[in-house]
PDB file of N, CA and C in Angstrom:
ATOM      1  N   MET A   1     112.517 113.224 239.908  1.00  0.00           N
ATOM      2  CA  MET A   1     112.088 113.616 238.586  1.00  0.00           C
ATOM      3  C   MET A   1     111.280 114.898 238.730  1.00  0.00           C
ATOM      4  N   HIS A   2     111.495 115.827 237.855  1.00  0.00           N
ATOM      5  CA  HIS A   2     110.750 117.078 237.847  1.00  0.00           C
ATOM      6  C   HIS A   2     109.286 116.785 237.559  1.00  0.00           C
ATOM      7  N   HIS A   3     108.396 117.493 238.251  1.00  0.00           N
ATOM      8  CA  HIS A   3     106.957 117.251 238.118  1.00  0.00           C
ATOM      9  C   HIS A   3     106.501 117.310 236.664  1.00  0.00           C
ATOM     10  N   ASP A   4     106.960 118.308 235.882  1.00  0.00           N
ATOM     11  CA  ASP A   4     106.555 118.431 234.472  1.00  0.00           C
ATOM     12  C   ASP A   4     107.006 117.221 233.663  1.00  0.00           C
ATOM     13  N   ALA A   5     108.209 116.746 233.914  1.00  0.00           N
ATOM     14  CA  ALA A   5     108.714 115.572 233.195  1.00  0.00           C
ATOM     15  C   ALA A   5     107.885 114.349 233.539  1.00  0.00           C
ATOM     16  N   GLN A   6     107.489 114.251 234.801  1.00  0.00           N
ATOM     17  CA  GLN A   6     106.684 113.112 235.227  1.00  0.00           C
ATOM     18  C   GLN A   6     105.310 113.151 234.566  1.00  0.00           C
ATOM     19  N   MET A   7     104.726 114.309 234.467  1.00  0.00           N
ATOM     20  CA  MET A   7     103.402 114.453 233.873  1.00  0.00           C
ATOM     21  C   MET A   7     103.423 114.159 232.373  1.00  0.00           C
ATOM     22  N   LEU A   8     104.502 114.503 231.698  1.00  0.00           N
ATOM     23  CA  LEU A   8     104.592 114.316 230.253  1.00  0.00           C
ATOM     24  C   LEU A   8     105.188 112.969 229.868  1.00  0.00           C
ATOM     25  N   GLY A   9     105.615 112.192 230.846  1.00  0.00           N
ATOM     26  CA  GLY A   9     106.217 110.900 230.551  1.00  0.00           C
ATOM     27  C   GLY A   9     107.625 111.021 229.987  1.00  0.00           C
ATOM     28  N   CYS A  10     108.273 112.149 230.230  1.00  0.00           N
ATOM     29  CA  CYS A  10     109.622 112.385 229.714  1.00  0.00           C
ATOM     30  C   CYS A  10     110.650 111.752 230.641  1.00  0.00           C
ATOM     31  N   GLY A  11     111.801 111.473 230.087  1.00  0.00           N
ATOM     32  CA  GLY A  11     112.887 110.961 230.897  1.00  0.00           C
ATOM     33  C   GLY A  11     113.565 112.085 231.651  1.00  0.00           C
ATOM     34  N   VAL A  12     114.470 111.725 232.519  1.00  0.00           N
ATOM     35  CA  VAL A  12     115.245 112.694 233.272  1.00  0.00           C
ATOM     36  C   VAL A  12     116.529 112.947 232.508  1.00  0.00           C
ATOM     37  N   ARG A  13     116.829 114.200 232.278  1.00  0.00           N
ATOM     38  CA  ARG A  13     118.043 114.561 231.558  1.00  0.00           C
ATOM     39  C   ARG A  13     119.189 114.632 232.563  1.00  0.00           C
ATOM     40  N   THR A  14     120.269 113.921 232.264  1.00  0.00           N
ATOM     41  CA  THR A  14     121.411 113.905 233.169  1.00  0.00           C
ATOM     42  C   THR A  14     122.687 113.743 232.354  1.00  0.00           C
ATOM     43  N   THR A  15     123.809 113.951 232.986  1.00  0.00           N
ATOM     44  CA  THR A  15     125.106 113.797 232.331  1.00  0.00           C
ATOM     45  C   THR A  15     125.888 112.719 233.063  1.00  0.00           C
ATOM     46  N   ILE A  16     126.444 111.781 232.301  1.00  0.00           N
ATOM     47  CA  ILE A  16     127.302 110.752 232.889  1.00  0.00           C
ATOM     48  C   ILE A  16     128.590 110.680 232.084  1.00  0.00           C
ATOM     49  N   ASP A  17     129.644 110.223 232.715  1.00  0.00           N
ATOM     50  CA  ASP A  17     130.920 110.014 232.035  1.00  0.00           C
ATOM     51  C   ASP A  17     131.047 108.540 231.700  1.00  0.00           C
ATOM     52  N   LEU A  18     131.249 108.245 230.424  1.00  0.00           N
ATOM     53  CA  LEU A  18     131.441 106.866 229.977  1.00  0.00           C
ATOM     54  C   LEU A  18     132.880 106.686 229.526  1.00  0.00           C
ATOM     55  N   PRO A  19     133.465 105.543 229.803  1.00  0.00           N
ATOM     56  CA  PRO A  19     134.769 105.245 229.213  1.00  0.00           C
ATOM     57  C   PRO A  19     134.639 105.266 227.684  1.00  0.00           C
ATOM     58  N   ALA A  20     135.689 105.670 227.012  1.00  0.00           N
ATOM     59  CA  ALA A  20     135.658 105.831 225.556  1.00  0.00           C
ATOM     60  C   ALA A  20     135.218 104.561 224.836  1.00  0.00           C
ATOM     61  N   ASP A  21     135.669 103.390 225.316  1.00  0.00           N
ATOM     62  CA  ASP A  21     135.308 102.148 224.632  1.00  0.00           C
ATOM     63  C   ASP A  21     133.812 101.858 224.736  1.00  0.00           C
ATOM     64  N   LEU A  22     133.206 102.149 225.898  1.00  0.00           N
ATOM     65  CA  LEU A  22     131.766 101.928 226.051  1.00  0.00           C
ATOM     66  C   LEU A  22     130.965 102.913 225.216  1.00  0.00           C
ATOM     67  N   HIS A  23     131.422 104.155 225.165  1.00  0.00           N
ATOM     68  CA  HIS A  23     130.751 105.166 224.343  1.00  0.00           C
ATOM     69  C   HIS A  23     130.772 104.749 222.878  1.00  0.00           C
ATOM     70  N   LYS A  24     131.918 104.272 222.426  1.00  0.00           N
ATOM     71  CA  LYS A  24     132.057 103.837 221.030  1.00  0.00           C
ATOM     72  C   LYS A  24     131.126 102.660 220.734  1.00  0.00           C
ATOM     73  N   GLN A  25     131.072 101.684 221.645  1.00  0.00           N
ATOM     74  CA  GLN A  25     130.200 100.524 221.448  1.00  0.00           C
ATOM     75  C   GLN A  25     128.729 100.927 221.449  1.00  0.00           C
ATOM     76  N   ALA A  26     128.347 101.787 222.381  1.00  0.00           N
ATOM     77  CA  ALA A  26     126.950 102.228 222.461  1.00  0.00           C
ATOM     78  C   ALA A  26     126.552 102.999 221.207  1.00  0.00           C
ATOM     79  N   LEU A  27     127.432 103.867 220.715  1.00  0.00           N
ATOM     80  CA  LEU A  27     127.151 104.601 219.477  1.00  0.00           C
ATOM     81  C   LEU A  27     126.992 103.650 218.300  1.00  0.00           C
ATOM     82  N   SER A  28     127.842 102.643 218.243  1.00  0.00           N
ATOM     83  CA  SER A  28     127.774 101.667 217.159  1.00  0.00           C
ATOM     84  C   SER A  28     126.449 100.906 217.194  1.00  0.00           C
ATOM     85  N   ILE A  29     126.044 100.474 218.379  1.00  0.00           N
ATOM     86  CA  ILE A  29     124.766  99.763 218.519  1.00  0.00           C
ATOM     87  C   ILE A  29     123.615 100.680 218.132  1.00  0.00           C
ATOM     88  N   ALA A  30     123.672 101.937 218.575  1.00  0.00           N
ATOM     89  CA  ALA A  30     122.613 102.903 218.248  1.00  0.00           C
ATOM     90  C   ALA A  30     122.491 103.077 216.736  1.00  0.00           C
ATOM     91  N   ARG A  31     123.619 103.228 216.071  1.00  0.00           N
ATOM     92  CA  ARG A  31     123.597 103.374 214.599  1.00  0.00           C
ATOM     93  C   ARG A  31     123.031 102.128 213.941  1.00  0.00           C
ATOM     94  N   ASP A  32     123.487 100.961 214.384  1.00  0.00           N
ATOM     95  CA  ASP A  32     123.056  99.696 213.772  1.00  0.00           C
ATOM     96  C   ASP A  32     121.573  99.419 213.974  1.00  0.00           C
ATOM     97  N   THR A  33     121.009  99.914 215.070  1.00  0.00           N
ATOM     98  CA  THR A  33     119.602  99.648 215.375  1.00  0.00           C
ATOM     99  C   THR A  33     118.701 100.842 215.062  1.00  0.00           C
ATOM    100  N   HIS A  34     119.299 101.894 214.504  1.00  0.00           N
ATOM    101  CA  HIS A  34     118.549 103.102 214.109  1.00  0.00           C
ATOM    102  C   HIS A  34     117.807 103.720 215.291  1.00  0.00           C
ATOM    103  N   ARG A  35     118.508 103.785 216.427  1.00  0.00           N
ATOM    104  CA  ARG A  35     117.949 104.403 217.629  1.00  0.00           C
ATOM    105  C   ARG A  35     118.901 105.481 218.114  1.00  0.00           C
ATOM    106  N   THR A  36     118.412 106.297 219.038  1.00  0.00           N
ATOM    107  CA  THR A  36     119.270 107.323 219.614  1.00  0.00           C
ATOM    108  C   THR A  36     120.219 106.693 220.628  1.00  0.00           C
ATOM    109  N   LEU A  37     121.260 107.434 220.953  1.00  0.00           N
ATOM    110  CA  LEU A  37     122.196 106.963 221.972  1.00  0.00           C
ATOM    111  C   LEU A  37     121.472 106.800 223.310  1.00  0.00           C
ATOM    112  N   SER A  38     120.593 107.742 223.641  1.00  0.00           N
ATOM    113  CA  SER A  38     119.845 107.656 224.904  1.00  0.00           C
ATOM    114  C   SER A  38     118.981 106.405 224.960  1.00  0.00           C
ATOM    115  N   GLU A  39     118.268 106.113 223.875  1.00  0.00           N
ATOM    116  CA  GLU A  39     117.427 104.906 223.834  1.00  0.00           C
ATOM    117  C   GLU A  39     118.276 103.654 223.989  1.00  0.00           C
ATOM    118  N   THR A  40     119.412 103.652 223.315  1.00  0.00           N
ATOM    119  CA  THR A  40     120.298 102.491 223.344  1.00  0.00           C
ATOM    120  C   THR A  40     120.875 102.268 224.736  1.00  0.00           C
ATOM    121  N   VAL A  41     121.371 103.323 225.359  1.00  0.00           N
ATOM    122  CA  VAL A  41     121.949 103.193 226.701  1.00  0.00           C
ATOM    123  C   VAL A  41     120.879 102.760 227.701  1.00  0.00           C
ATOM    124  N   ALA A  42     119.672 103.318 227.594  1.00  0.00           N
ATOM    125  CA  ALA A  42     118.582 102.924 228.497  1.00  0.00           C
ATOM    126  C   ALA A  42     118.256 101.443 228.324  1.00  0.00           C
ATOM    127  N   ASP A  43     118.196 100.973 227.068  1.00  0.00           N
ATOM    128  CA  ASP A  43     117.910  99.560 226.806  1.00  0.00           C
ATOM    129  C   ASP A  43     119.007  98.666 227.375  1.00  0.00           C
ATOM    130  N   LEU A  44     120.260  99.044 227.158  1.00  0.00           N
ATOM    131  CA  LEU A  44     121.378  98.251 227.675  1.00  0.00           C
ATOM    132  C   LEU A  44     121.364  98.207 229.204  1.00  0.00           C
ATOM    133  N   MET A  45     121.034  99.333 229.833  1.00  0.00           N
ATOM    134  CA  MET A  45     120.955  99.356 231.299  1.00  0.00           C
ATOM    135  C   MET A  45     119.831  98.455 231.794  1.00  0.00           C
ATOM    136  N   ARG A  46     118.673  98.517 231.135  1.00  0.00           N
ATOM    137  CA  ARG A  46     117.548  97.658 231.543  1.00  0.00           C
ATOM    138  C   ARG A  46     117.922  96.185 231.423  1.00  0.00           C
ATOM    139  N   ARG A  47     118.565  95.829 230.312  1.00  0.00           N
ATOM    140  CA  ARG A  47     118.980  94.430 230.121  1.00  0.00           C
ATOM    141  C   ARG A  47     119.959  93.996 231.196  1.00  0.00           C
ATOM    142  N   GLY A  48     120.928  94.852 231.482  1.00  0.00           N
ATOM    143  CA  GLY A  48     121.923  94.527 232.498  1.00  0.00           C
ATOM    144  C   GLY A  48     121.312  94.370 233.875  1.00  0.00           C
ATOM    145  N   LEU A  49     120.395  95.264 234.215  1.00  0.00           N
ATOM    146  CA  LEU A  49     119.730  95.177 235.517  1.00  0.00           C
ATOM    147  C   LEU A  49     118.838  93.950 235.605  1.00  0.00           C
ATOM    148  N   ARG A  50     118.158  93.625 234.516  1.00  0.00           N
ATOM    149  CA  ARG A  50     117.306  92.426 234.489  1.00  0.00           C
ATOM    150  C   ARG A  50     118.168  91.176 234.647  1.00  0.00           C
ATOM    151  N   ALA A  51     119.306  91.147 233.949  1.00  0.00           N
ATOM    152  CA  ALA A  51     120.197  89.984 234.031  1.00  0.00           C
ATOM    153  C   ALA A  51     120.746  89.836 235.448  1.00  0.00           C
ATOM    154  N   ALA A  52     121.084  90.965 236.069  1.00  0.00           N
ATOM    155  CA  ALA A  52     121.611  90.915 237.433  1.00  0.00           C
ATOM    156  C   ALA A  52     120.557  90.416 238.410  1.00  0.00           C
ATOM    157  N   ALA A  53     119.298  90.718 238.118  1.00  0.00           N
ATOM    158  CA  ALA A  53     118.207  90.277 238.991  1.00  0.00           C
ATOM    159  C   ALA A  53     117.773  88.855 238.669  1.00  0.00           C
ATOM    160  N   GLY A  54     118.291  88.301 237.569  1.00  0.00           N
ATOM    161  CA  GLY A  54     117.935  86.944 237.176  1.00  0.00           C
ATOM    162  C   GLY A  54     116.564  86.844 236.539  1.00  0.00           C
ATOM    163  N   THR A  55     116.042  87.951 236.019  1.00  0.00           N
ATOM    164  CA  THR A  55     114.723  87.966 235.400  1.00  0.00           C
ATOM    165  C   THR A  55     114.833  87.608 233.924  1.00  0.00           C
ATOM    166  N   ALA A  56     114.016  86.695 233.475  1.00  0.00           N
ATOM    167  CA  ALA A  56     114.007  86.305 232.066  1.00  0.00           C
ATOM    168  C   ALA A  56     113.152  87.284 231.267  1.00  0.00           C
ATOM    169  N   GLU A  57     113.558  87.516 230.038  1.00  0.00           N
ATOM    170  CA  GLU A  57     112.804  88.384 229.138  1.00  0.00           C
ATOM    171  C   GLU A  57     112.001  87.501 228.191  1.00  0.00           C
ATOM    172  N   ILE A  58     110.707  87.758 228.082  1.00  0.00           N
ATOM    173  CA  ILE A  58     109.845  86.970 227.204  1.00  0.00           C
ATOM    174  C   ILE A  58     109.345  87.865 226.082  1.00  0.00           C
ATOM    175  N   SER A  59     109.509  87.395 224.851  1.00  0.00           N
ATOM    176  CA  SER A  59     109.013  88.126 223.685  1.00  0.00           C
ATOM    177  C   SER A  59     108.361  87.129 222.738  1.00  0.00           C
ATOM    178  N   ILE A  60     107.776  87.647 221.679  1.00  0.00           N
ATOM    179  CA  ILE A  60     107.132  86.799 220.674  1.00  0.00           C
ATOM    180  C   ILE A  60     107.962  86.839 219.400  1.00  0.00           C
ATOM    181  N   ASP A  61     108.312  85.670 218.888  1.00  0.00           N
ATOM    182  CA  ASP A  61     109.056  85.585 217.636  1.00  0.00           C
ATOM    183  C   ASP A  61     108.154  86.072 216.510  1.00  0.00           C
ATOM    184  N   PRO A  62     108.579  87.110 215.764  1.00  0.00           N
ATOM    185  CA  PRO A  62     107.717  87.651 214.713  1.00  0.00           C
ATOM    186  C   PRO A  62     107.475  86.667 213.567  1.00  0.00           C
ATOM    187  N   ARG A  63     108.385  85.727 213.375  1.00  0.00           N
ATOM    188  CA  ARG A  63     108.255  84.774 212.274  1.00  0.00           C
ATOM    189  C   ARG A  63     107.307  83.633 212.622  1.00  0.00           C
ATOM    190  N   THR A  64     107.441  83.108 213.849  1.00  0.00           N
ATOM    191  CA  THR A  64     106.654  81.930 214.225  1.00  0.00           C
ATOM    192  C   THR A  64     105.447  82.256 215.103  1.00  0.00           C
ATOM    193  N   GLY A  65     105.495  83.406 215.783  1.00  0.00           N
ATOM    194  CA  GLY A  65     104.427  83.754 216.707  1.00  0.00           C
ATOM    195  C   GLY A  65     104.539  83.046 218.046  1.00  0.00           C
ATOM    196  N   LEU A  66     105.603  82.270 218.231  1.00  0.00           N
ATOM    197  CA  LEU A  66     105.807  81.526 219.478  1.00  0.00           C
ATOM    198  C   LEU A  66     106.563  82.378 220.491  1.00  0.00           C
ATOM    199  N   PRO A  67     106.343  82.127 221.785  1.00  0.00           N
ATOM    200  CA  PRO A  67     107.084  82.878 222.798  1.00  0.00           C
ATOM    201  C   PRO A  67     108.560  82.481 222.798  1.00  0.00           C
ATOM    202  N   VAL A  68     109.407  83.468 223.042  1.00  0.00           N
ATOM    203  CA  VAL A  68     110.848  83.264 223.135  1.00  0.00           C
ATOM    204  C   VAL A  68     111.278  83.779 224.502  1.00  0.00           C
ATOM    205  N   VAL A  69     111.953  82.937 225.270  1.00  0.00           N
ATOM    206  CA  VAL A  69     112.429  83.329 226.592  1.00  0.00           C
ATOM    207  C   VAL A  69     113.930  83.544 226.511  1.00  0.00           C
ATOM    208  N   SER A  70     114.365  84.751 226.851  1.00  0.00           N
ATOM    209  CA  SER A  70     115.789  85.069 226.867  1.00  0.00           C
ATOM    210  C   SER A  70     116.257  85.091 228.310  1.00  0.00           C
ATOM    211  N   VAL A  71     117.194  84.211 228.626  1.00  0.00           N
ATOM    212  CA  VAL A  71     117.711  84.138 229.987  1.00  0.00           C
ATOM    213  C   VAL A  71     119.158  84.603 230.066  1.00  0.00           C
ATOM    214  N   GLY A  72     119.665  85.153 228.974  1.00  0.00           N
ATOM    215  CA  GLY A  72     121.001  85.707 228.982  1.00  0.00           C
ATOM    216  C   GLY A  72     122.085  84.750 228.539  1.00  0.00           C
ATOM    217  N   THR A  73     121.756  83.496 228.326  1.00  0.00           N
ATOM    218  CA  THR A  73     122.739  82.520 227.881  1.00  0.00           C
ATOM    219  C   THR A  73     122.282  81.922 226.563  1.00  0.00           C
ATOM    220  N   VAL A  74     123.148  81.989 225.563  1.00  0.00           N
ATOM    221  CA  VAL A  74     122.828  81.408 224.268  1.00  0.00           C
ATOM    222  C   VAL A  74     123.178  79.928 224.307  1.00  0.00           C
ATOM    223  N   VAL A  75     122.232  79.082 223.936  1.00  0.00           N
ATOM    224  CA  VAL A  75     122.460  77.640 223.881  1.00  0.00           C
ATOM    225  C   VAL A  75     122.580  77.262 222.413  1.00  0.00           C
ATOM    226  N   THR A  76     123.733  76.738 222.046  1.00  0.00           N
ATOM    227  CA  THR A  76     123.985  76.367 220.657  1.00  0.00           C
ATOM    228  C   THR A  76     123.649  74.898 220.426  1.00  0.00           C
ATOM    229  N   SER A  77     123.593  74.519 219.156  1.00  0.00           N
ATOM    230  CA  SER A  77     123.378  73.109 218.807  1.00  0.00           C
ATOM    231  C   SER A  77     124.494  72.245 219.378  1.00  0.00           C
ATOM    232  N   GLU A  78     125.704  72.777 219.374  1.00  0.00           N
ATOM    233  CA  GLU A  78     126.847  72.045 219.919  1.00  0.00           C
ATOM    234  C   GLU A  78     126.664  71.800 221.420  1.00  0.00           C
ATOM    235  N   ASP A  79     126.137  72.784 222.141  1.00  0.00           N
ATOM    236  CA  ASP A  79     125.858  72.606 223.572  1.00  0.00           C
ATOM    237  C   ASP A  79     124.877  71.460 223.788  1.00  0.00           C
ATOM    238  N   VAL A  80     123.826  71.430 222.981  1.00  0.00           N
ATOM    239  CA  VAL A  80     122.806  70.382 223.097  1.00  0.00           C
ATOM    240  C   VAL A  80     123.422  69.024 222.798  1.00  0.00           C
ATOM    241  N   ARG A  81     124.216  68.937 221.721  1.00  0.00           N
ATOM    242  CA  ARG A  81     124.861  67.663 221.362  1.00  0.00           C
ATOM    243  C   ARG A  81     125.772  67.171 222.482  1.00  0.00           C
ATOM    244  N   SER A  82     126.531  68.074 223.079  1.00  0.00           N
ATOM    245  CA  SER A  82     127.450  67.641 224.136  1.00  0.00           C
ATOM    246  C   SER A  82     126.676  67.139 225.355  1.00  0.00           C
ATOM    247  N   LEU A  83     125.523  67.747 225.651  1.00  0.00           N
ATOM    248  CA  LEU A  83     124.697  67.255 226.755  1.00  0.00           C
ATOM    249  C   LEU A  83     124.092  65.899 226.426  1.00  0.00           C
ATOM    250  N   GLU A  84     123.683  65.710 225.176  1.00  0.00           N
ATOM    251  CA  GLU A  84     123.140  64.413 224.757  1.00  0.00           C
ATOM    252  C   GLU A  84     124.205  63.330 224.848  1.00  0.00           C
ATOM    253  N   ASP A  85     125.446  63.677 224.494  1.00  0.00           N
ATOM    254  CA  ASP A  85     126.546  62.716 224.555  1.00  0.00           C
ATOM    255  C   ASP A  85     126.837  62.280 225.988  1.00  0.00           C
ATOM    256  N   GLU A  86     126.589  63.163 226.957  1.00  0.00           N
ATOM    257  CA  GLU A  86     126.849  62.848 228.362  1.00  0.00           C
ATOM    258  C   GLU A  86     125.850  61.839 228.912  1.00  0.00           C
ATOM    259  N   GLU A  87     124.674  61.732 228.302  1.00  0.00           N
ATOM    260  CA  GLU A  87     123.637  60.830 228.821  1.00  0.00           C
ATOM    261  C   GLU A  87     123.908  59.423 228.503  1.00  0.00           C
TER     262      GLU A  87
END
């Protein structure tokens, strides 16, 4: 990282080639979340790297104020019912 960028807390500017389908999906997510493409790609990369490392993401639910742990797998009511049926 360039010293000036490090001092200002700026990101590193770089160029990457994305497959057209990934570029389209990233642009769509950026538009839907009102963020830049750079912010969106950085967030997606962080999530992917965290998932690969097996690290859970903990946040606070704005409605309830309770902690929410995201481990990358969505558990549905049907999943819970099927586990209860197995017991």
